């Protein structure tokens, strides 16, 4: 009988030394370098659309909105990028390389490669990070937004509903979120 070894988790320092591969980049997820391909045109459109919707609503409240926003939801073995992030300008200015903790709002635009388990893990890990309030999964195929919240749990918005945006005390209509440009 042979002994099996437990794989060593990569640290953030080790992750920083890994060159990005052709066609994408790596994220550090639970100590493992995970390849993330560059987003396709539809994905980028949805990211920009969400950024453009959120920015005028939250800017006066001291938040910035960005795409492919890097953050470290947990102190070690994690370096992720939110498809769309809404983060306080104060926290953003304190970031050296990456935001320590999670954006107040992190949005994942669902891709065909995302599994239900992967999305749930992303939501739970992001919400475990300091600063996190909500994690949204925007699914253009089903025209739904799944919201994981630190205060109200999980809810799926569909049809004619509007998605509450607590940091701005307003809501975004699904029709506007899924409007075609």
Protein backbone atom coordinates (compact mmCIF):
# COMPACT_ATOMS: atom_id res chain seq x y z
CA UNK A 1 0.00 0.00 0.00
CA UNK A 2 1.43 3.37 -0.97
CA UNK A 3 0.90 6.56 0.90
CA UNK A 4 -0.85 9.40 -0.89
CA UNK A 5 0.45 12.89 -0.46
CA UNK A 6 -1.80 15.85 0.10
CA UNK A 7 -1.23 18.50 -2.58
CA UNK A 8 0.42 21.66 -1.29
CA UNK A 9 -1.75 24.76 -1.44
CA UNK A 10 -0.26 27.69 -3.31
CA UNK A 11 0.31 30.84 -1.31
CA UNK A 12 -0.32 34.30 -2.72
CA UNK A 13 3.48 34.79 -2.98
CA UNK A 14 3.83 31.63 -5.08
CA UNK A 15 0.81 32.59 -7.18
CA UNK A 16 2.40 35.96 -8.02
CA UNK A 17 5.35 34.17 -9.65
CA UNK A 18 3.18 32.17 -12.08
CA UNK A 19 3.08 33.78 -15.54
CA UNK A 20 -0.32 34.21 -17.16
CA UNK A 21 -0.96 31.54 -19.79
CA UNK A 22 -1.93 32.29 -23.40
CA UNK A 23 -5.64 33.03 -23.77
CA UNK A 24 -6.37 34.04 -20.19
CA UNK A 25 -5.11 34.35 -16.66
CA UNK A 26 -5.06 32.41 -13.42
CA UNK A 27 -7.07 33.05 -10.29
CA UNK A 28 -5.98 31.59 -6.98
CA UNK A 29 -8.95 29.67 -5.59
CA UNK A 30 -8.52 27.80 -2.34
CA UNK A 31 -4.79 27.45 -2.98
CA UNK A 32 -5.13 26.17 -6.55
CA UNK A 33 -4.26 28.10 -9.72
CA UNK A 34 -7.42 28.01 -11.85
CA UNK A 35 -7.31 29.05 -15.51
CA UNK A 36 -9.84 31.73 -16.46
CA UNK A 37 -10.19 32.39 -20.18
CA UNK A 38 -10.69 35.87 -21.56
CA UNK A 39 -14.37 36.81 -21.68
CA UNK A 40 -16.17 36.60 -25.02
CA UNK A 41 -17.90 39.60 -26.57
CA UNK A 42 -21.37 38.96 -25.03
CA UNK A 43 -19.83 38.53 -21.58
CA UNK A 44 -17.89 41.82 -21.89
CA UNK A 45 -21.03 43.58 -23.14
CA UNK A 46 -22.95 42.41 -20.05
CA UNK A 47 -20.09 43.51 -17.75
CA UNK A 48 -19.93 46.99 -19.31
CA UNK A 49 -23.72 47.31 -19.27
CA UNK A 50 -23.88 46.50 -15.55
CA UNK A 51 -20.98 48.87 -14.80
CA UNK A 52 -22.66 51.66 -16.75
CA UNK A 53 -25.98 51.07 -14.94
CA UNK A 54 -24.44 51.04 -11.46
CA UNK A 55 -21.87 53.84 -11.73
CA UNK A 56 -24.25 56.84 -11.83
CA UNK A 57 -26.33 55.36 -9.00
CA UNK A 58 -23.48 54.76 -6.53
CA UNK A 59 -20.80 57.32 -7.44
CA UNK A 60 -22.30 60.12 -5.32
CA UNK A 61 -22.43 57.65 -2.40
CA UNK A 62 -18.65 57.16 -2.48
CA UNK A 63 -18.48 53.92 -4.49
CA UNK A 64 -16.74 53.04 -7.71
CA UNK A 65 -17.74 50.35 -10.17
CA UNK A 66 -15.24 48.40 -12.23
CA UNK A 67 -14.98 45.22 -14.30
CA UNK A 68 -12.48 42.39 -13.77
CA UNK A 69 -11.83 43.84 -10.31
CA UNK A 70 -9.14 41.91 -8.35
CA UNK A 71 -9.71 41.04 -4.71
CA UNK A 72 -8.64 38.65 -1.97
CA UNK A 73 -11.82 37.48 -0.25
CA UNK A 74 -9.90 35.55 2.42
CA UNK A 75 -6.44 36.34 3.81
CA UNK A 76 -4.48 33.50 2.23
CA UNK A 77 -4.66 31.24 -0.82
CA UNK A 78 -7.19 33.44 -2.65
CA UNK A 79 -6.87 36.01 -5.47
CA UNK A 80 -10.04 36.43 -7.51
CA UNK A 81 -11.53 38.90 -9.97
CA UNK A 82 -15.16 40.02 -9.92
CA UNK A 83 -16.78 40.37 -13.34
CA UNK A 84 -18.26 43.59 -11.94
CA UNK A 85 -17.46 45.05 -8.53
CA UNK A 86 -18.91 47.90 -6.55
CA UNK A 87 -16.48 48.95 -3.83
CA UNK A 88 -16.17 51.99 -1.59
CA UNK A 89 -13.63 54.47 -2.90
CA UNK A 90 -11.96 54.51 0.53
CA UNK A 91 -11.36 50.74 0.48
CA UNK A 92 -10.24 50.88 -3.16
CA UNK A 93 -7.67 53.60 -2.36
CA UNK A 94 -6.28 51.49 0.49
CA UNK A 95 -5.64 48.53 -1.83
CA UNK A 96 -2.04 48.04 -2.86
CA UNK A 97 -2.22 45.21 -5.42
CA UNK A 98 -5.62 43.79 -4.65
CA UNK A 99 -8.52 44.70 -2.46
CA UNK A 100 -8.15 42.88 0.85
CA UNK A 101 -11.53 41.35 1.57
CA UNK A 102 -14.38 41.43 -0.92
CA UNK A 103 -16.14 44.23 -2.77
CA UNK A 104 -19.34 45.40 -1.13
CA UNK A 105 -21.10 44.05 -4.23
CA UNK A 106 -19.50 41.42 -6.46
CA UNK A 107 -21.29 40.35 -9.64
CA UNK A 108 -20.61 37.20 -11.63
CA UNK A 109 -21.92 37.16 -15.19
CA UNK A 110 -22.78 33.52 -15.69
CA UNK A 111 -20.81 31.74 -18.41
CA UNK A 112 -21.52 28.33 -19.96
CA UNK A 113 -18.48 26.98 -18.09
CA UNK A 114 -19.84 27.96 -14.65
CA UNK A 115 -21.28 25.09 -12.64
CA UNK A 116 -23.89 25.50 -9.93
CA UNK A 117 -21.35 24.29 -7.34
CA UNK A 118 -18.70 26.73 -8.61
CA UNK A 119 -21.10 29.68 -8.46
CA UNK A 120 -22.26 28.75 -4.97
CA UNK A 121 -18.63 28.46 -3.80
CA UNK A 122 -17.80 31.84 -5.34
CA UNK A 123 -20.77 33.40 -3.56
CA UNK A 124 -20.00 31.87 -0.17
CA UNK A 125 -16.28 32.63 -0.32
CA UNK A 126 -16.88 36.19 -1.47
CA UNK A 127 -19.45 36.79 1.27
CA UNK A 128 -16.99 35.44 3.85
CA UNK A 129 -14.60 38.26 2.92
CA UNK A 130 -14.45 41.46 4.90
CA UNK A 131 -16.62 44.21 3.42
CA UNK A 132 -18.92 41.95 1.41
CA UNK A 133 -22.63 42.67 1.41
CA UNK A 134 -23.95 40.93 -1.70
CA UNK A 135 -22.96 38.57 -4.48
CA UNK A 136 -25.06 38.54 -7.66
CA UNK A 137 -25.16 35.93 -10.39
CA UNK A 138 -26.50 37.47 -13.59
CA UNK A 139 -27.75 34.82 -16.00
CA UNK A 140 -28.60 36.29 -19.41
CA UNK A 141 -29.81 32.92 -20.71
CA UNK A 142 -32.57 32.57 -18.07
CA UNK A 143 -32.90 36.34 -17.50
CA UNK A 144 -32.53 35.87 -13.76
CA UNK A 145 -30.41 37.46 -11.06
CA UNK A 146 -29.58 35.33 -8.04
CA UNK A 147 -28.65 37.45 -5.05
CA UNK A 148 -26.74 36.10 -2.05
CA UNK A 149 -26.88 38.60 0.79
CA UNK A 150 -25.16 38.73 4.16
CA UNK A 151 -28.39 40.09 5.67
CA UNK A 152 -31.25 38.39 3.83
CA UNK A 153 -29.94 35.08 2.48
CA UNK A 154 -30.53 34.07 -1.13
CA UNK A 155 -33.24 35.13 -3.57
CA UNK A 156 -33.73 34.60 -7.32
CA UNK A 157 -35.27 37.52 -9.22
CA UNK A 158 -37.06 36.90 -12.51
CA UNK A 159 -39.80 38.21 -14.78
CA UNK A 160 -40.87 41.78 -14.08
CA UNK A 161 -39.13 42.04 -10.71
CA UNK A 162 -36.53 44.59 -9.68
CA UNK A 163 -33.35 43.68 -7.83
CA UNK A 164 -32.84 45.70 -4.63
CA UNK A 165 -29.53 47.55 -4.41
CA UNK A 166 -29.16 48.17 -0.65
CA UNK A 167 -25.98 50.27 -0.87
CA UNK A 168 -27.96 52.86 -2.87
CA UNK A 169 -31.39 52.26 -1.33
CA UNK A 170 -32.95 51.63 -4.74
CA UNK A 171 -33.67 48.75 -7.12
CA UNK A 172 -32.67 47.83 -10.67
CA UNK A 173 -35.37 46.50 -12.98
CA UNK A 174 -34.57 43.18 -14.64
CA UNK A 175 -35.79 44.62 -17.93
CA UNK A 176 -33.01 47.23 -17.67
CA UNK A 177 -30.38 44.72 -16.53
CA UNK A 178 -31.09 42.51 -19.56
CA UNK A 179 -31.65 45.31 -22.08
CA UNK A 180 -29.79 44.71 -25.31
CA UNK A 181 -27.44 47.45 -26.37
